[in-house]
Amino acid sequence: MEREQHGFLHAAEEMIEKVKEKMPPEEEMQDLAEFFKVFGDATRLKILYVLLCSEMCVLDLASLIGMSQSAISHQLRVLKQMDLVKNRRDGKTIFYSPADDHIVTILSQGLSHIEE
């Protein structure tokens, strides 16, 4: 139900309360905003796309993407902090891969959206 005030239509209080109930808590909204910030960097996106194709170490990622190992390591740290990549050790080498299947969905949905 809507009501008119000063020439504008306003949602009824009941509708406003229903919407408020469906909204995630403020802390979750902040966490979600931080999560999406991670995808705002082209280097991190390249790393994620490479890792979707194959597990890799920092040396191979740096070579493939054309950046220094330290720059790749820095970006991997960010991705790991956001639980987007995981690693495993084999001797002295650490291999990185996507943390789960959600990354495939997020990237493919994003790409589909911009290609429309």
N, C-alpha and C. Protein backbone atom coordinates (compact mmCIF):
# COMPACT_ATOMS: atom_id res chain seq x y z
N MET A 1 0.84 -1.17 0.00
CA MET A 1 0.00 0.00 0.00
C MET A 1 0.90 1.24 0.00
N GLU A 2 0.53 2.24 -0.76
CA GLU A 2 1.32 3.47 -0.83
C GLU A 2 0.52 4.63 -0.28
N ARG A 3 1.22 5.62 0.22
CA ARG A 3 0.56 6.84 0.68
C ARG A 3 1.26 8.03 0.03
N GLU A 4 0.50 9.11 -0.16
CA GLU A 4 1.07 10.28 -0.81
C GLU A 4 1.42 11.32 0.25
N GLN A 5 2.62 11.89 0.11
CA GLN A 5 3.07 12.93 1.02
C GLN A 5 3.89 13.91 0.20
N HIS A 6 3.51 15.14 0.22
CA HIS A 6 4.20 16.21 -0.52
C HIS A 6 4.31 15.89 -2.01
N GLY A 7 3.29 15.23 -2.56
CA GLY A 7 3.28 14.96 -3.99
C GLY A 7 4.06 13.71 -4.39
N PHE A 8 4.69 13.01 -3.44
CA PHE A 8 5.45 11.81 -3.75
C PHE A 8 4.74 10.59 -3.18
N LEU A 9 4.85 9.47 -3.86
CA LEU A 9 4.30 8.23 -3.34
C LEU A 9 5.33 7.57 -2.44
N HIS A 10 4.88 7.11 -1.30
CA HIS A 10 5.77 6.44 -0.34
C HIS A 10 5.26 5.04 -0.06
N ALA A 11 6.17 4.11 0.14
CA ALA A 11 5.79 2.74 0.50
C ALA A 11 5.18 2.74 1.88
N ALA A 12 4.24 1.88 2.10
CA ALA A 12 3.62 1.76 3.42
C ALA A 12 4.67 1.27 4.41
N GLU A 13 4.46 1.63 5.65
CA GLU A 13 5.39 1.23 6.71
C GLU A 13 5.61 -0.28 6.74
N GLU A 14 4.55 -1.06 6.49
CA GLU A 14 4.67 -2.51 6.51
C GLU A 14 5.67 -2.99 5.46
N MET A 15 5.61 -2.38 4.27
CA MET A 15 6.53 -2.76 3.20
C MET A 15 7.97 -2.39 3.58
N ILE A 16 8.13 -1.22 4.17
CA ILE A 16 9.47 -0.78 4.61
C ILE A 16 10.03 -1.77 5.62
N GLU A 17 9.21 -2.21 6.56
CA GLU A 17 9.66 -3.18 7.57
C GLU A 17 10.02 -4.51 6.94
N LYS A 18 9.24 -4.98 5.95
CA LYS A 18 9.54 -6.23 5.26
C LYS A 18 10.90 -6.15 4.57
N VAL A 19 11.14 -5.03 3.91
CA VAL A 19 12.42 -4.85 3.22
C VAL A 19 13.56 -4.81 4.22
N LYS A 20 13.39 -4.09 5.30
CA LYS A 20 14.43 -4.01 6.34
C LYS A 20 14.78 -5.39 6.88
N GLU A 21 13.76 -6.24 7.06
CA GLU A 21 13.98 -7.59 7.57
C GLU A 21 14.80 -8.43 6.62
N LYS A 22 14.67 -8.17 5.31
CA LYS A 22 15.39 -8.96 4.32
C LYS A 22 16.82 -8.48 4.11
N MET A 23 17.10 -7.26 4.51
CA MET A 23 18.45 -6.71 4.33
C MET A 23 19.43 -7.41 5.26
N PRO A 24 20.61 -7.77 4.75
CA PRO A 24 21.62 -8.36 5.63
C PRO A 24 22.07 -7.34 6.67
N PRO A 25 22.59 -7.81 7.79
CA PRO A 25 23.11 -6.89 8.82
C PRO A 25 24.23 -6.01 8.25
N GLU A 26 24.43 -4.87 8.84
CA GLU A 26 25.43 -3.90 8.37
C GLU A 26 26.82 -4.53 8.24
N GLU A 27 27.20 -5.34 9.21
CA GLU A 27 28.53 -5.97 9.17
C GLU A 27 28.68 -6.86 7.94
N GLU A 28 27.64 -7.60 7.60
CA GLU A 28 27.68 -8.46 6.41
C GLU A 28 27.76 -7.62 5.14
N MET A 29 27.07 -6.49 5.12
CA MET A 29 27.13 -5.60 3.95
C MET A 29 28.56 -5.06 3.77
N GLN A 30 29.19 -4.71 4.88
CA GLN A 30 30.58 -4.23 4.82
C GLN A 30 31.51 -5.33 4.32
N ASP A 31 31.31 -6.55 4.82
CA ASP A 31 32.13 -7.69 4.38
C ASP A 31 31.92 -7.96 2.90
N LEU A 32 30.69 -7.85 2.44
CA LEU A 32 30.39 -8.05 1.02
C LEU A 32 31.06 -6.98 0.16
N ALA A 33 31.03 -5.75 0.63
CA ALA A 33 31.70 -4.66 -0.09
C ALA A 33 33.20 -4.93 -0.20
N GLU A 34 33.82 -5.39 0.89
CA GLU A 34 35.25 -5.72 0.87
C GLU A 34 35.52 -6.87 -0.09
N PHE A 35 34.63 -7.85 -0.08
CA PHE A 35 34.77 -9.00 -0.97
C PHE A 35 34.80 -8.54 -2.43
N PHE A 36 33.85 -7.68 -2.81
CA PHE A 36 33.79 -7.24 -4.20
C PHE A 36 34.93 -6.30 -4.57
N LYS A 37 35.52 -5.61 -3.60
CA LYS A 37 36.68 -4.77 -3.88
C LYS A 37 37.83 -5.60 -4.44
N VAL A 38 37.95 -6.83 -3.97
CA VAL A 38 39.02 -7.72 -4.42
C VAL A 38 38.95 -7.93 -5.93
N PHE A 39 37.74 -7.96 -6.47
CA PHE A 39 37.55 -8.17 -7.90
C PHE A 39 37.76 -6.89 -8.71
N GLY A 40 38.09 -5.79 -8.03
CA GLY A 40 38.30 -4.51 -8.70
C GLY A 40 39.72 -4.31 -9.20
N ASP A 41 40.52 -5.34 -9.21
CA ASP A 41 41.91 -5.23 -9.64
C ASP A 41 42.16 -6.23 -10.78
N ALA A 42 42.61 -5.71 -11.93
CA ALA A 42 42.80 -6.57 -13.11
C ALA A 42 43.85 -7.66 -12.87
N THR A 43 44.89 -7.37 -12.12
CA THR A 43 45.91 -8.39 -11.85
C THR A 43 45.32 -9.55 -11.06
N ARG A 44 44.53 -9.24 -10.05
CA ARG A 44 43.91 -10.32 -9.26
C ARG A 44 42.97 -11.14 -10.13
N LEU A 45 42.24 -10.48 -11.02
CA LEU A 45 41.35 -11.21 -11.93
C LEU A 45 42.14 -12.13 -12.85
N LYS A 46 43.27 -11.64 -13.36
CA LYS A 46 44.12 -12.47 -14.23
C LYS A 46 44.61 -13.70 -13.46
N ILE A 47 45.05 -13.47 -12.23
CA ILE A 47 45.53 -14.59 -11.41
C ILE A 47 44.42 -15.62 -11.22
N LEU A 48 43.23 -15.15 -10.89
CA LEU A 48 42.11 -16.08 -10.68
C LEU A 48 41.79 -16.85 -11.95
N TYR A 49 41.78 -16.17 -13.10
CA TYR A 49 41.49 -16.87 -14.36
C TYR A 49 42.55 -17.91 -14.67
N VAL A 50 43.82 -17.58 -14.43
CA VAL A 50 44.89 -18.55 -14.66
C VAL A 50 44.69 -19.77 -13.75
N LEU A 51 44.40 -19.50 -12.47
CA LEU A 51 44.24 -20.60 -11.51
C LEU A 51 43.01 -21.45 -11.79
N LEU A 52 42.02 -20.88 -12.47
CA LEU A 52 40.87 -21.69 -12.88
C LEU A 52 41.28 -22.73 -13.92
N CYS A 53 42.33 -22.40 -14.68
CA CYS A 53 42.82 -23.32 -15.72
C CYS A 53 43.78 -24.35 -15.15
N SER A 54 44.61 -23.92 -14.19
CA SER A 54 45.63 -24.82 -13.68
C SER A 54 46.19 -24.32 -12.35
N GLU A 55 46.47 -25.24 -11.47
CA GLU A 55 47.18 -24.93 -10.23
C GLU A 55 48.57 -24.43 -10.62
N MET A 56 49.08 -23.40 -9.95
CA MET A 56 50.40 -22.85 -10.31
C MET A 56 51.13 -22.31 -9.10
N CYS A 57 52.45 -22.22 -9.26
CA CYS A 57 53.29 -21.61 -8.25
C CYS A 57 53.51 -20.13 -8.63
N VAL A 58 54.07 -19.37 -7.72
CA VAL A 58 54.29 -17.93 -7.94
C VAL A 58 55.18 -17.69 -9.15
N LEU A 59 56.23 -18.48 -9.31
CA LEU A 59 57.16 -18.30 -10.44
C LEU A 59 56.43 -18.43 -11.78
N ASP A 60 55.60 -19.46 -11.90
CA ASP A 60 54.86 -19.66 -13.16
C ASP A 60 53.81 -18.58 -13.37
N LEU A 61 53.14 -18.18 -12.31
CA LEU A 61 52.16 -17.09 -12.42
C LEU A 61 52.83 -15.80 -12.88
N ALA A 62 53.97 -15.48 -12.28
CA ALA A 62 54.70 -14.26 -12.62
C ALA A 62 55.13 -14.29 -14.09
N SER A 63 55.61 -15.42 -14.54
CA SER A 63 56.04 -15.57 -15.93
C SER A 63 54.86 -15.43 -16.89
N LEU A 64 53.78 -16.10 -16.58
CA LEU A 64 52.60 -16.09 -17.45
C LEU A 64 51.94 -14.71 -17.53
N ILE A 65 51.85 -14.02 -16.38
CA ILE A 65 51.17 -12.73 -16.33
C ILE A 65 52.12 -11.58 -16.69
N GLY A 66 53.43 -11.83 -16.58
CA GLY A 66 54.40 -10.79 -16.93
C GLY A 66 54.61 -9.77 -15.83
N MET A 67 54.66 -10.25 -14.60
CA MET A 67 54.89 -9.38 -13.45
C MET A 67 55.93 -10.01 -12.55
N SER A 68 56.43 -9.23 -11.60
CA SER A 68 57.44 -9.75 -10.68
C SER A 68 56.81 -10.75 -9.71
N GLN A 69 57.67 -11.62 -9.19
CA GLN A 69 57.19 -12.60 -8.21
C GLN A 69 56.65 -11.91 -6.97
N SER A 70 57.29 -10.81 -6.56
CA SER A 70 56.83 -10.12 -5.35
C SER A 70 55.45 -9.50 -5.57
N ALA A 71 55.20 -8.97 -6.77
CA ALA A 71 53.88 -8.39 -7.06
C ALA A 71 52.81 -9.48 -7.06
N ILE A 72 53.14 -10.63 -7.64
CA ILE A 72 52.19 -11.75 -7.66
C ILE A 72 51.95 -12.26 -6.24
N SER A 73 53.00 -12.38 -5.45
CA SER A 73 52.87 -12.84 -4.06
C SER A 73 51.97 -11.90 -3.27
N HIS A 74 52.14 -10.61 -3.47
CA HIS A 74 51.30 -9.63 -2.78
C HIS A 74 49.82 -9.84 -3.12
N GLN A 75 49.53 -10.01 -4.42
CA GLN A 75 48.14 -10.20 -4.85
C GLN A 75 47.59 -11.54 -4.35
N LEU A 76 48.42 -12.55 -4.32
CA LEU A 76 47.98 -13.85 -3.80
C LEU A 76 47.64 -13.77 -2.31
N ARG A 77 48.40 -12.95 -1.57
CA ARG A 77 48.10 -12.75 -0.15
C ARG A 77 46.70 -12.15 0.02
N VAL A 78 46.39 -11.15 -0.80
CA VAL A 78 45.06 -10.52 -0.75
C VAL A 78 43.98 -11.56 -1.07
N LEU A 79 44.20 -12.33 -2.13
CA LEU A 79 43.22 -13.35 -2.53
C LEU A 79 43.05 -14.42 -1.46
N LYS A 80 44.15 -14.78 -0.81
CA LYS A 80 44.10 -15.80 0.24
C LYS A 80 43.36 -15.26 1.47
N GLN A 81 43.60 -13.99 1.83
CA GLN A 81 42.91 -13.39 2.97
C GLN A 81 41.40 -13.37 2.77
N MET A 82 40.96 -13.25 1.53
CA MET A 82 39.53 -13.22 1.23
C MET A 82 38.99 -14.63 0.92
N ASP A 83 39.81 -15.65 1.17
CA ASP A 83 39.42 -17.06 0.95
C ASP A 83 39.04 -17.35 -0.50
N LEU A 84 39.73 -16.70 -1.43
CA LEU A 84 39.47 -16.95 -2.85
C LEU A 84 40.46 -17.94 -3.44
N VAL A 85 41.63 -18.06 -2.83
CA VAL A 85 42.60 -19.06 -3.26
C VAL A 85 43.07 -19.85 -2.05
N LYS A 86 43.54 -21.05 -2.33
CA LYS A 86 44.14 -21.91 -1.30
C LYS A 86 45.50 -22.33 -1.82
N ASN A 87 46.33 -22.88 -0.95
CA ASN A 87 47.64 -23.33 -1.41
C ASN A 87 47.97 -24.68 -0.81
N ARG A 88 48.93 -25.32 -1.45
CA ARG A 88 49.46 -26.58 -0.93
C ARG A 88 50.96 -26.57 -1.20
N ARG A 89 51.69 -27.16 -0.29
CA ARG A 89 53.15 -27.22 -0.40
C ARG A 89 53.58 -28.56 -0.97
N ASP A 90 54.52 -28.49 -1.91
CA ASP A 90 55.14 -29.70 -2.45
C ASP A 90 56.64 -29.45 -2.39
N GLY A 91 57.28 -29.99 -1.34
CA GLY A 91 58.70 -29.68 -1.11
C GLY A 91 58.82 -28.21 -0.73
N LYS A 92 59.64 -27.46 -1.47
CA LYS A 92 59.82 -26.03 -1.19
C LYS A 92 58.86 -25.16 -2.00
N THR A 93 58.12 -25.76 -2.90
CA THR A 93 57.24 -25.00 -3.79
C THR A 93 55.81 -24.99 -3.25
N ILE A 94 55.19 -23.81 -3.32
CA ILE A 94 53.80 -23.66 -2.92
C ILE A 94 52.96 -23.47 -4.18
N PHE A 95 51.94 -24.29 -4.32
CA PHE A 95 51.05 -24.21 -5.48
C PHE A 95 49.71 -23.60 -5.05
N TYR A 96 49.18 -22.75 -5.89
CA TYR A 96 47.92 -22.06 -5.61
C TYR A 96 46.82 -22.55 -6.54
N SER A 97 45.59 -22.54 -6.01
CA SER A 97 44.42 -22.93 -6.79
C SER A 97 43.21 -22.19 -6.22
N PRO A 98 42.11 -22.17 -6.97
CA PRO A 98 40.89 -21.52 -6.45
C PRO A 98 40.42 -22.21 -5.17
N ALA A 99 39.89 -21.45 -4.25
CA ALA A 99 39.44 -22.02 -2.97
C ALA A 99 38.21 -22.90 -3.13
N ASP A 100 37.32 -22.54 -4.05
CA ASP A 100 36.11 -23.34 -4.25
C ASP A 100 35.46 -22.99 -5.59
N ASP A 101 34.35 -23.65 -5.88
CA ASP A 101 33.65 -23.46 -7.15
C ASP A 101 32.92 -22.12 -7.26
N HIS A 102 32.74 -21.43 -6.15
CA HIS A 102 32.06 -20.14 -6.20
C HIS A 102 32.81 -19.15 -7.09
N ILE A 103 34.13 -19.25 -7.14
CA ILE A 103 34.93 -18.32 -7.92
C ILE A 103 34.58 -18.45 -9.40
N VAL A 104 34.41 -19.67 -9.86
CA VAL A 104 34.02 -19.90 -11.26
C VAL A 104 32.70 -19.19 -11.54
N THR A 105 31.74 -19.36 -10.65
CA THR A 105 30.42 -18.75 -10.83
C THR A 105 30.51 -17.22 -10.83
N ILE A 106 31.24 -16.67 -9.87
CA ILE A 106 31.36 -15.21 -9.76
C ILE A 106 31.98 -14.63 -11.02
N LEU A 107 33.08 -15.22 -11.47
CA LEU A 107 33.76 -14.69 -12.65
C LEU A 107 32.94 -14.88 -13.92
N SER A 108 32.31 -16.04 -14.08
CA SER A 108 31.53 -16.26 -15.30
C SER A 108 30.29 -15.37 -15.32
N GLN A 109 29.65 -15.16 -14.17
CA GLN A 109 28.50 -14.25 -14.11
C GLN A 109 28.92 -12.81 -14.43
N GLY A 110 30.05 -12.38 -13.88
CA GLY A 110 30.55 -11.03 -14.14
C GLY A 110 30.86 -10.84 -15.61
N LEU A 111 31.52 -11.82 -16.20
CA LEU A 111 31.87 -11.73 -17.64
C LEU A 111 30.61 -11.73 -18.49
N SER A 112 29.65 -12.57 -18.16
CA SER A 112 28.39 -12.59 -18.90
C SER A 112 27.70 -11.23 -18.82
N HIS A 113 27.74 -10.62 -17.67
CA HIS A 113 27.09 -9.33 -17.48
C HIS A 113 27.71 -8.25 -18.36
N ILE A 114 29.05 -8.19 -18.41
CA ILE A 114 29.68 -7.12 -19.20
C ILE A 114 29.63 -7.40 -20.70
N GLU A 115 29.43 -8.65 -21.08
CA GLU A 115 29.36 -9.01 -22.50
C GLU A 115 27.95 -8.78 -23.09
N GLU A 116 26.96 -8.50 -22.25
CA GLU A 116 25.59 -8.29 -22.74
C GLU A 116 25.48 -7.03 -23.57
